[in-house]
Amino acid sequence: MVNAYEAKAVGFVKVALVAMLLFALHDSNPYGYYQLLRWACFGVFAYLAYDALTRGNSTGWAWVFGMFALLYNPFLPMALGRDVWGVANILTAAVLAISMWPMRTKKHLRQ
């Protein structure tokens, strides 16, 4: 079971990553920002996939987070156009925001 401190930390990281993904839509960002975003997304999604998988009851989320980790992986980057990455960033931010709701709801139901 996740303690309250860990749940708040993961929630904060998710919110920060949503903000980073939406800020990436700004045209004047330097290329280094997108490299940082790729590393941040890869690390966060890899952790979230592992965390969901080890809980045992969130295998669907583990697959979703794992696919996003592959999409944003910095080792074999995918060369997509700016427009495609913009759509991917919006979709990723939306899924990440949605992922905060059911996990919080399940926690409140246990209490």
Protein backbone atom coordinates (compact mmCIF):
# COMPACT_ATOMS: atom_id res chain seq x y z
CA MET A 1 0.00 0.00 0.00
CA VAL A 2 1.22 3.47 -0.85
CA ASN A 3 1.82 5.86 2.03
CA ALA A 4 0.45 9.41 1.95
CA TYR A 5 3.84 11.03 1.38
CA GLU A 6 4.60 8.85 -1.65
CA ALA A 7 1.13 9.45 -3.11
CA LYS A 8 1.56 13.22 -2.79
CA ALA A 9 5.04 13.09 -4.33
CA VAL A 10 3.83 11.04 -7.30
CA GLY A 11 0.87 13.39 -7.73
CA PHE A 12 3.16 16.41 -7.71
CA VAL A 13 5.46 14.81 -10.30
CA LYS A 14 2.47 14.02 -12.52
CA VAL A 15 1.21 17.61 -12.32
CA ALA A 16 4.70 18.96 -13.09
CA LEU A 17 5.01 16.63 -16.09
CA VAL A 18 1.60 17.70 -17.42
CA ALA A 19 2.77 21.32 -17.18
CA MET A 20 6.02 20.47 -18.98
CA LEU A 21 4.14 18.66 -21.75
CA LEU A 22 1.78 21.57 -22.28
CA PHE A 23 4.63 24.10 -22.16
CA ALA A 24 6.31 22.10 -24.95
CA LEU A 25 3.57 23.35 -27.29
CA HIS A 26 5.18 26.79 -27.16
CA ASP A 27 7.09 27.41 -30.40
CA SER A 28 10.02 29.31 -28.93
CA ASN A 29 11.40 26.50 -26.75
CA PRO A 30 15.04 25.59 -27.40
CA TYR A 31 15.88 22.06 -28.52
CA GLY A 32 17.41 21.33 -25.11
CA TYR A 33 13.97 21.70 -23.53
CA TYR A 34 12.63 18.87 -25.67
CA GLN A 35 15.60 16.69 -24.72
CA LEU A 36 14.91 17.40 -21.04
CA LEU A 37 11.23 16.65 -21.61
CA ARG A 38 12.10 13.33 -23.26
CA TRP A 39 14.28 12.28 -20.29
CA ALA A 40 11.69 13.43 -17.74
CA CYS A 41 8.84 11.62 -19.51
CA PHE A 42 10.87 8.46 -19.93
CA GLY A 43 11.87 8.36 -16.27
CA VAL A 44 8.44 9.18 -14.90
CA PHE A 45 6.56 6.81 -17.19
CA ALA A 46 9.03 3.97 -16.59
CA TYR A 47 8.58 4.42 -12.83
CA LEU A 48 4.78 4.66 -13.12
CA ALA A 49 4.65 1.50 -15.26
CA TYR A 50 6.79 -0.39 -12.76
CA ASP A 51 4.74 0.93 -9.84
CA ALA A 52 1.44 -0.01 -11.48
CA LEU A 53 2.76 -3.46 -12.36
CA THR A 54 4.04 -4.20 -8.85
CA ARG A 55 0.70 -3.27 -7.31
CA GLY A 56 -0.89 -6.06 -9.31
CA ASN A 57 -4.27 -4.40 -9.75
CA SER A 58 -3.23 -1.80 -12.34
CA THR A 59 -1.90 -3.81 -15.28
CA GLY A 60 -3.86 -1.63 -17.72
CA TRP A 61 -2.12 1.48 -16.45
CA ALA A 62 1.19 -0.37 -16.54
CA TRP A 63 0.74 -0.98 -20.26
CA VAL A 64 -0.31 2.62 -20.93
CA PHE A 65 2.63 4.06 -18.99
CA GLY A 66 5.00 1.57 -20.57
CA MET A 67 3.93 2.61 -24.08
CA PHE A 68 4.47 6.27 -23.20
CA ALA A 69 7.91 5.40 -21.82
CA LEU A 70 8.73 3.79 -25.16
CA LEU A 71 7.39 6.78 -27.08
CA TYR A 72 9.51 9.27 -25.13
CA ASN A 73 12.61 7.09 -24.68
CA PRO A 74 15.83 9.09 -25.13
CA PHE A 75 17.93 6.12 -26.31
CA LEU A 76 16.10 5.41 -29.58
CA PRO A 77 14.25 8.67 -30.22
CA MET A 78 11.38 8.68 -32.68
CA ALA A 79 11.66 11.33 -35.36
CA LEU A 80 8.14 12.72 -35.56
CA GLY A 81 7.22 16.14 -36.92
CA ARG A 82 6.45 19.12 -34.71
CA ASP A 83 2.72 18.79 -35.35
CA VAL A 84 2.67 15.08 -34.49
CA TRP A 85 4.66 15.70 -31.31
CA GLY A 86 2.22 18.46 -30.40
CA VAL A 87 -0.71 16.04 -30.65
CA ALA A 88 1.28 13.38 -28.76
CA ASN A 89 2.09 15.86 -25.98
CA ILE A 90 -1.57 16.87 -25.61
CA LEU A 91 -2.71 13.25 -25.60
CA THR A 92 -0.01 12.31 -23.10
CA ALA A 93 -0.90 15.21 -20.80
CA ALA A 94 -4.58 14.27 -20.94
CA VAL A 95 -3.93 10.59 -20.15
CA LEU A 96 -1.57 11.54 -17.34
CA ALA A 97 -4.17 13.91 -15.86
CA ILE A 98 -6.85 11.22 -16.14
CA SER A 99 -4.57 8.72 -14.42
CA MET A 100 -4.60 10.87 -11.29
CA TRP A 101 -8.35 10.53 -10.80
CA PRO A 102 -8.98 6.78 -10.48
CA MET A 103 -5.98 6.20 -8.25
CA ARG A 104 -7.14 8.92 -5.88
CA THR A 105 -10.71 7.59 -5.92
CA LYS A 106 -9.58 4.06 -5.02
CA LYS A 107 -7.53 5.44 -2.13
CA HIS A 108 -10.54 7.29 -0.72
CA LEU A 109 -12.75 4.21 -1.05
CA ARG A 110 -10.37 2.17 1.15
CA GLN A 111 -10.64 4.60 4.06
